[in-house]
Every structure is written in structure tokens, then in C-alpha cells.
Amino acid sequence: MMAKLSVRDLKINGKRIFVRVDFNVPLDENLTITDDTRIRASLPTIEYVLQQGGIPILASHFGRPKGTVNPKLSLAPVAKRLEELMNHKVIFARDCIGEEVKKIAQGLKQGDVLLLENTRFHLEEKKNDPSFSKELASLADLYVNDAFGSAHRAHASVEGVAHHFDNPAGGFLMEKELKYLGNALTDPKRPLLALIGGAKVST
């Protein structure tokens, strides 16, 4: 159940890397992040890309804005927290597509980190719209999926965008989760106890 390619297999020096992360974190009424576990989980992949001379362009959904811009569901607080955790400047784009975003992406240099705004501010994200996927893909040279918690979704920034890259790869979090899942399904240690939980019955 391992991904065909890992971020380790990519030649990323000098390349812009579209990294799909899962930054769908909980906020309180003051828009303060109450649990940054998902952000921390993405750090090994982001830092590896930087160390190898790549330029990470991070994309994530956040909440359910239903295709409209909702300031309460902006990834701006995430950009701030990511900056704190990495002790590294994070450039925050006010959208995930468009000419302004393209200009920012094209101007990135080694050492830069770019976080795009909430992909679900566009209805095309959940519809897995081909044109939207293509526009997201145009920002980068390579694609890495490190959003295990969203990997089951056939959305533009998860599934659609991957078709525009020759060698889509998995990040370290994806690799770790697939390893655990694979071991649990193919060679579980016994006696075995399975605890299943979550907030959404549908998934």
C-alpha cells in the first residue's frame, strides 16, 4: 500500500513543489488555532523540500465555505502559526489561483515558502474542475501529496491536479500513514483491538 513515489525520489533542487497539505485545523471564536497537530505533521515534508533546494507551494482546504470567500475560514491564521513553528517567513497569497498568485509563484526563490488561500473558496475545488486543476498545477513543477486525511477526496487540489504532473509523489506523512495502514491490514499484531472514531460518519 505504499505510494509509488516518495518525495525522496524527486529531484527538487530549484523546483517549485505543489505540496497538498491538510491544514483543516480547529479555531475558536477569536480565530485562534486550538490544535496545531495537522500543521506540525506537515513540517517534515516542508522542511525536507527546503533543505533540498525546493520551493514549497502549500495548498489546503479549510472548513466548508461552499465556494464563497469567508474571512472566518481564511488560512491566514495557519500561515502565522506555520511561521512560528518553522521560525521561517511564510508568504501568504490571498487566493489560490489568478494572475496575482501566478506572479507571486513565478517570483519565488529558494528559501521561500508560499501558502495559498483556502482552495474551497472556489466551487471548482470540490467539483474537481479540470480547468481549476490545471490552473493550480501551473504554479509548480512537481506535485507532492502529504494530505492523508484528504486523500480520499476527488477534489481538484488532491486528485485533479496530480494528472498534470509526470511523477506525483507522496510526502512523509502520507508515507507514514500508508505504512501503518498497510501493516494493520496485511500483518496485524494479535491480539487485535480496533478503535474507530471521528466527527463525520460519512468518512
Protein backbone atom coordinates (compact mmCIF):
# COMPACT_ATOMS: atom_id res chain seq x y z
CA MET A 1 0.00 0.00 0.00
CA MET A 2 3.00 2.29 -0.27
CA ALA A 3 2.86 5.19 -2.74
CA LYS A 4 4.73 4.57 -5.97
CA LEU A 5 6.98 7.57 -5.42
CA SER A 6 8.14 9.39 -2.32
CA VAL A 7 9.25 13.00 -2.13
CA ARG A 8 12.70 11.46 -1.59
CA ASP A 9 12.62 10.16 -5.17
CA LEU A 10 12.14 13.58 -6.74
CA LYS A 11 14.86 15.90 -8.00
CA ILE A 12 13.57 19.05 -6.40
CA ASN A 13 16.53 21.41 -6.30
CA GLY A 14 15.45 24.71 -7.81
CA LYS A 15 11.92 23.42 -8.49
CA ARG A 16 8.60 24.75 -7.26
CA ILE A 17 6.78 21.95 -5.44
CA PHE A 18 2.99 21.98 -5.11
CA VAL A 19 2.52 20.34 -1.71
CA ARG A 20 -1.06 19.40 -0.84
CA VAL A 21 -1.26 19.52 2.94
CA ASP A 22 -4.15 19.15 5.38
CA PHE A 23 -4.37 22.38 7.36
CA ASN A 24 -8.06 21.93 8.23
CA VAL A 25 -7.44 22.81 11.88
CA PRO A 26 -9.90 23.88 14.61
CA LEU A 27 -10.27 27.57 15.50
CA ASP A 28 -12.02 29.22 18.43
CA GLU A 29 -14.32 32.25 18.21
CA ASN A 30 -11.28 34.54 18.14
CA LEU A 31 -9.87 32.69 15.11
CA THR A 32 -7.10 31.24 17.26
CA ILE A 33 -5.89 27.75 16.38
CA THR A 34 -6.75 25.39 19.24
CA ASP A 35 -4.92 22.32 17.91
CA ASP A 36 -1.98 22.59 15.50
CA THR A 37 -1.31 18.85 15.21
CA ARG A 38 -2.00 18.79 11.48
CA ILE A 39 0.33 21.70 10.85
CA ARG A 40 3.11 20.05 12.84
CA ALA A 41 2.56 16.79 10.95
CA SER A 42 3.35 18.54 7.66
CA LEU A 43 6.64 20.04 8.84
CA PRO A 44 8.98 17.14 7.91
CA THR A 45 7.92 17.29 4.25
CA ILE A 46 8.02 21.09 4.04
CA GLU A 47 11.41 21.29 5.72
CA TYR A 48 12.80 18.49 3.53
CA VAL A 49 11.75 20.36 0.39
CA LEU A 50 13.50 23.48 1.67
CA GLN A 51 16.64 21.56 2.65
CA GLN A 52 16.84 20.01 -0.81
CA GLY A 53 16.64 23.40 -2.50
CA GLY A 54 12.99 23.15 -3.50
CA ILE A 55 10.36 25.85 -3.14
CA PRO A 56 7.19 24.61 -1.39
CA ILE A 57 3.85 25.97 -2.54
CA LEU A 58 1.35 24.77 0.04
CA ALA A 59 -2.34 24.20 -0.66
CA SER A 60 -5.16 23.14 1.65
CA HIS A 61 -8.89 23.38 2.12
CA PHE A 62 -10.32 24.74 5.36
CA GLY A 63 -13.85 24.23 6.60
CA ARG A 64 -16.88 24.39 4.31
CA PRO A 65 -17.13 27.87 2.76
CA LYS A 66 -19.24 26.47 -0.13
CA GLY A 67 -17.40 28.30 -2.86
CA THR A 68 -17.56 31.77 -1.35
CA VAL A 69 -14.88 33.84 0.35
CA ASN A 70 -15.41 33.73 4.12
CA PRO A 71 -12.83 35.63 6.21
CA LYS A 72 -13.55 33.30 9.15
CA LEU A 73 -12.32 30.39 7.03
CA SER A 74 -9.17 32.05 5.74
CA LEU A 75 -5.87 30.21 6.11
CA ALA A 76 -4.22 33.43 7.33
CA PRO A 77 -4.05 32.20 10.98
CA VAL A 78 -2.47 28.99 9.71
CA ALA A 79 0.20 30.95 7.84
CA LYS A 80 1.03 32.78 11.05
CA ARG A 81 1.22 29.57 13.09
CA LEU A 82 3.31 27.82 10.45
CA GLU A 83 5.73 30.74 10.52
CA GLU A 84 6.05 30.38 14.30
CA LEU A 85 6.58 26.62 14.18
CA MET A 86 9.19 26.81 11.43
CA ASN A 87 10.81 30.04 12.60
CA HIS A 88 10.73 30.87 8.91
CA LYS A 89 8.86 33.51 6.91
CA VAL A 90 5.76 32.24 5.11
CA ILE A 91 4.36 34.18 2.16
CA PHE A 92 0.55 34.11 2.20
CA ALA A 93 -1.39 34.50 -1.04
CA ARG A 94 -4.90 35.96 -0.83
CA ASP A 95 -6.17 33.43 -3.37
CA CYS A 96 -5.08 30.08 -4.77
CA ILE A 97 -5.43 30.92 -8.48
CA GLY A 98 -5.35 34.03 -10.66
CA GLU A 99 -2.79 36.36 -12.13
CA GLU A 100 -1.65 37.78 -8.80
CA VAL A 101 -0.96 34.29 -7.44
CA LYS A 102 0.88 33.30 -10.63
CA LYS A 103 3.05 36.39 -10.32
CA ILE A 104 3.91 35.52 -6.71
CA ALA A 105 4.69 31.90 -7.62
CA GLN A 106 6.90 32.88 -10.55
CA GLY A 107 8.84 35.27 -8.34
CA LEU A 108 9.63 32.72 -5.65
CA LYS A 109 13.24 31.87 -4.93
CA GLN A 110 14.98 29.15 -2.95
CA GLY A 111 14.21 29.54 0.75
CA ASP A 112 10.71 30.90 0.13
CA VAL A 113 7.56 29.18 1.40
CA LEU A 114 4.19 30.09 -0.12
CA LEU A 115 0.81 29.19 1.40
CA LEU A 116 -2.18 29.58 -0.89
CA GLU A 117 -5.57 30.71 0.36
CA ASN A 118 -8.33 28.18 1.07
CA THR A 119 -8.97 26.14 -2.08
CA ARG A 120 -12.63 25.74 -1.13
CA PHE A 121 -13.24 29.44 -1.68
CA HIS A 122 -13.81 28.19 -5.23
CA LEU A 123 -16.68 25.82 -6.06
CA GLU A 124 -14.42 24.24 -8.69
CA GLU A 125 -12.34 22.64 -5.93
CA LYS A 126 -15.00 20.18 -4.78
CA LYS A 127 -16.22 19.67 -8.35
CA ASN A 128 -12.71 18.57 -9.35
CA ASP A 129 -12.96 21.01 -12.24
CA PRO A 130 -10.28 20.29 -14.90
CA SER A 131 -9.59 23.97 -15.65
CA PHE A 132 -9.21 24.77 -11.96
CA SER A 133 -6.89 21.78 -11.53
CA LYS A 134 -4.80 22.92 -14.47
CA GLU A 135 -4.51 26.44 -13.08
CA LEU A 136 -3.34 25.12 -9.71
CA ALA A 137 -0.81 22.86 -11.42
CA SER A 138 0.56 25.76 -13.47
CA LEU A 139 2.04 27.23 -10.29
CA ALA A 140 4.58 24.44 -9.81
CA ASP A 141 6.97 21.97 -11.42
CA LEU A 142 6.30 18.94 -9.20
CA TYR A 143 3.44 17.62 -7.06
CA VAL A 144 3.61 16.07 -3.59
CA ASN A 145 0.52 14.89 -1.70
CA ASP A 146 1.01 14.95 2.06
CA ALA A 147 -2.67 15.26 2.96
CA PHE A 148 -3.51 11.74 4.08
CA GLY A 149 -6.71 12.91 5.76
CA SER A 150 -7.97 14.29 2.44
CA ALA A 151 -6.51 11.69 0.10
CA HIS A 152 -9.91 10.01 -0.35
CA ARG A 153 -11.42 13.17 -1.80
CA ALA A 154 -11.66 13.50 -5.60
CA HIS A 155 -11.10 17.25 -5.39
CA ALA A 156 -9.10 19.46 -7.71
CA SER A 157 -6.17 20.14 -5.38
CA VAL A 158 -5.95 16.47 -4.38
CA GLU A 159 -6.80 14.31 -7.39
CA GLY A 160 -7.29 16.58 -10.39
CA VAL A 161 -4.02 18.45 -10.08
CA ALA A 162 -1.99 15.23 -9.94
CA HIS A 163 -2.82 14.45 -13.57
CA HIS A 164 -0.82 17.47 -14.70
CA PHE A 165 2.49 16.16 -13.34
CA ASP A 166 4.64 13.32 -14.66
CA ASN A 167 5.71 11.96 -11.28
CA PRO A 168 3.26 12.80 -8.49
CA ALA A 169 4.68 11.68 -5.15
CA GLY A 170 3.71 11.24 -1.53
CA GLY A 171 5.13 13.23 1.37
CA PHE A 172 6.49 11.84 4.62
CA LEU A 173 3.15 11.98 6.45
CA MET A 174 1.43 10.14 3.61
CA GLU A 175 4.23 7.58 3.60
CA LYS A 176 3.98 7.02 7.36
CA GLU A 177 0.20 6.68 7.41
CA LEU A 178 0.18 4.25 4.47
CA LYS A 179 2.82 2.15 6.19
CA TYR A 180 0.78 1.95 9.40
CA LEU A 181 -2.40 1.19 7.49
CA GLY A 182 -0.68 -1.41 5.34
CA ASN A 183 0.77 -3.19 8.36
CA ALA A 184 -2.58 -3.17 10.13
CA LEU A 185 -4.33 -4.74 7.15
CA THR A 186 -1.72 -7.22 5.94
CA ASP A 187 0.18 -8.26 9.05
CA PRO A 188 -1.56 -7.06 12.22
CA LYS A 189 -0.13 -7.95 15.60
CA ARG A 190 -2.53 -10.08 17.61
CA PRO A 191 -4.49 -9.96 19.82
CA LEU A 192 -6.04 -7.12 17.83
CA LEU A 193 -8.34 -4.32 19.01
CA ALA A 194 -9.67 -1.75 16.52
CA LEU A 195 -10.93 1.62 17.77
CA ILE A 196 -12.73 3.66 15.12
CA GLY A 197 -13.81 7.23 15.71
CA GLY A 198 -14.34 10.60 14.09
CA ALA A 199 -16.73 13.51 13.77
CA LYS A 200 -18.13 12.59 10.34
CA VAL A 201 -19.99 9.32 9.94
CA SER A 202 -19.74 9.59 6.14
CA THR A 203 -15.98 9.09 6.19
